N, C-alpha and C. Protein backbone atom coordinates (compact mmCIF):
# COMPACT_ATOMS: atom_id res chain seq x y z
N MET A 1 24.56 -9.14 -43.01
CA MET A 1 23.35 -8.55 -43.50
C MET A 1 22.71 -7.80 -42.34
N ALA A 2 22.15 -6.63 -42.60
CA ALA A 2 21.47 -5.85 -41.57
C ALA A 2 20.09 -5.47 -42.06
N ALA A 3 19.14 -5.44 -41.14
CA ALA A 3 17.77 -5.07 -41.48
C ALA A 3 17.22 -4.10 -40.44
N GLY A 4 16.72 -2.97 -40.89
CA GLY A 4 16.01 -2.08 -39.98
C GLY A 4 14.65 -2.68 -39.68
N ILE A 5 14.27 -2.64 -38.41
CA ILE A 5 13.01 -3.26 -38.00
C ILE A 5 12.20 -2.31 -37.13
N HIS A 6 10.93 -2.61 -36.97
CA HIS A 6 10.08 -1.95 -35.98
C HIS A 6 9.35 -3.08 -35.26
N PHE A 7 9.37 -3.02 -33.93
CA PHE A 7 8.68 -4.07 -33.19
C PHE A 7 7.84 -3.45 -32.09
N SER A 8 6.82 -4.20 -31.68
CA SER A 8 5.95 -3.75 -30.60
C SER A 8 5.48 -4.96 -29.82
N GLY A 9 5.06 -4.71 -28.59
CA GLY A 9 4.56 -5.80 -27.77
C GLY A 9 3.78 -5.27 -26.59
N ARG A 10 3.03 -6.17 -25.96
CA ARG A 10 2.28 -5.86 -24.76
C ARG A 10 2.59 -6.91 -23.72
N ARG A 11 2.70 -6.45 -22.49
CA ARG A 11 3.03 -7.39 -21.41
C ARG A 11 2.52 -6.81 -20.09
N ASP A 12 1.73 -7.55 -19.38
CA ASP A 12 1.24 -7.15 -18.06
C ASP A 12 0.68 -5.72 -18.06
N GLY A 13 -0.09 -5.37 -19.09
CA GLY A 13 -0.71 -4.04 -19.15
C GLY A 13 0.19 -2.95 -19.69
N ALA A 14 1.46 -3.23 -19.92
CA ALA A 14 2.38 -2.24 -20.48
C ALA A 14 2.54 -2.51 -21.98
N SER A 15 2.89 -1.47 -22.72
CA SER A 15 3.13 -1.67 -24.15
C SER A 15 4.45 -1.02 -24.54
N MET A 16 5.01 -1.50 -25.64
CA MET A 16 6.28 -1.01 -26.13
C MET A 16 6.21 -1.00 -27.65
N SER A 17 6.82 0.01 -28.26
CA SER A 17 6.88 0.11 -29.71
C SER A 17 8.13 0.92 -30.06
N MET A 18 9.07 0.31 -30.80
CA MET A 18 10.30 1.03 -31.12
C MET A 18 10.99 0.43 -32.33
N ASP A 19 11.94 1.19 -32.82
CA ASP A 19 12.76 0.75 -33.95
C ASP A 19 14.00 0.03 -33.45
N GLY A 20 14.61 -0.72 -34.32
CA GLY A 20 15.84 -1.42 -33.99
C GLY A 20 16.52 -1.89 -35.27
N VAL A 21 17.61 -2.62 -35.08
CA VAL A 21 18.35 -3.20 -36.20
C VAL A 21 18.70 -4.63 -35.83
N ASP A 22 18.46 -5.55 -36.75
CA ASP A 22 18.91 -6.94 -36.61
C ASP A 22 20.06 -7.15 -37.57
N VAL A 23 21.16 -7.70 -37.06
CA VAL A 23 22.34 -7.98 -37.88
C VAL A 23 22.50 -9.49 -37.92
N LEU A 24 22.60 -10.04 -39.12
CA LEU A 24 22.67 -11.49 -39.30
C LEU A 24 23.97 -11.87 -40.00
N ARG A 25 24.54 -12.98 -39.56
CA ARG A 25 25.66 -13.57 -40.31
C ARG A 25 25.11 -14.83 -40.96
N VAL A 26 25.22 -14.88 -42.26
CA VAL A 26 24.65 -15.98 -43.05
C VAL A 26 25.78 -16.77 -43.69
N ARG A 27 25.68 -18.10 -43.57
CA ARG A 27 26.65 -18.99 -44.21
C ARG A 27 25.90 -20.11 -44.89
N ASP A 28 26.20 -20.36 -46.14
CA ASP A 28 25.55 -21.42 -46.91
C ASP A 28 24.03 -21.29 -46.89
N GLY A 29 23.54 -20.06 -46.95
CA GLY A 29 22.10 -19.82 -47.00
C GLY A 29 21.38 -19.95 -45.68
N LYS A 30 22.12 -20.10 -44.56
CA LYS A 30 21.50 -20.25 -43.25
C LYS A 30 22.03 -19.20 -42.30
N ILE A 31 21.16 -18.73 -41.42
CA ILE A 31 21.59 -17.78 -40.38
C ILE A 31 22.40 -18.55 -39.35
N VAL A 32 23.65 -18.12 -39.12
CA VAL A 32 24.49 -18.80 -38.13
C VAL A 32 24.74 -17.95 -36.88
N GLU A 33 24.53 -16.64 -36.98
CA GLU A 33 24.61 -15.76 -35.83
C GLU A 33 23.66 -14.60 -36.06
N MET A 34 23.18 -14.04 -34.93
CA MET A 34 22.25 -12.92 -35.02
C MET A 34 22.45 -12.01 -33.83
N TRP A 35 22.48 -10.70 -34.09
CA TRP A 35 22.59 -9.70 -33.04
C TRP A 35 21.39 -8.77 -33.17
N LEU A 36 20.75 -8.45 -32.06
CA LEU A 36 19.58 -7.58 -32.05
C LEU A 36 19.93 -6.28 -31.33
N PHE A 37 19.67 -5.16 -31.98
CA PHE A 37 19.97 -3.85 -31.41
C PHE A 37 18.68 -3.05 -31.29
N SER A 38 18.38 -2.65 -30.07
CA SER A 38 17.16 -1.91 -29.77
C SER A 38 17.42 -0.41 -29.91
N GLY A 39 16.40 0.33 -30.34
CA GLY A 39 16.52 1.78 -30.42
C GLY A 39 16.62 2.43 -29.05
N ASP A 40 16.14 1.79 -28.01
CA ASP A 40 16.20 2.31 -26.64
C ASP A 40 16.33 1.12 -25.70
N GLN A 41 17.54 0.69 -25.46
CA GLN A 41 17.79 -0.51 -24.68
C GLN A 41 17.26 -0.39 -23.25
N ALA A 42 17.41 0.79 -22.65
CA ALA A 42 16.93 0.98 -21.27
C ALA A 42 15.41 0.78 -21.19
N ALA A 43 14.66 1.34 -22.15
CA ALA A 43 13.21 1.18 -22.15
C ALA A 43 12.82 -0.28 -22.39
N GLU A 44 13.55 -0.97 -23.26
CA GLU A 44 13.24 -2.38 -23.51
C GLU A 44 13.55 -3.23 -22.27
N ASP A 45 14.66 -2.95 -21.60
CA ASP A 45 14.99 -3.69 -20.38
C ASP A 45 13.90 -3.48 -19.33
N GLU A 46 13.42 -2.25 -19.19
CA GLU A 46 12.36 -1.97 -18.22
C GLU A 46 11.08 -2.73 -18.59
N PHE A 47 10.74 -2.75 -19.87
CA PHE A 47 9.55 -3.46 -20.34
C PHE A 47 9.63 -4.95 -19.97
N TRP A 48 10.79 -5.57 -20.19
CA TRP A 48 10.95 -7.00 -19.92
C TRP A 48 11.28 -7.29 -18.46
N GLY A 49 11.40 -6.24 -17.63
CA GLY A 49 11.63 -6.44 -16.19
C GLY A 49 13.05 -6.78 -15.83
N ARG A 50 14.00 -6.26 -16.60
CA ARG A 50 15.40 -6.54 -16.31
C ARG A 50 16.03 -5.43 -15.52
C-alpha cells in the first residue's frame, strides 16, 4: 500500500514542509514493514542535522 503525504515540522528555529510517499506492507491487518520516501532527502537530512 502506498500513500502520498505532506509533512512539516519545526526544529531549533528552522522549519520544513514537503511532500513524500509512505509505502506499507500489511499482513493480517497489521503494518509489518514501512518505508518513508521524502520529496527532497537532502533538505530533510539538513533539517535533522545529518
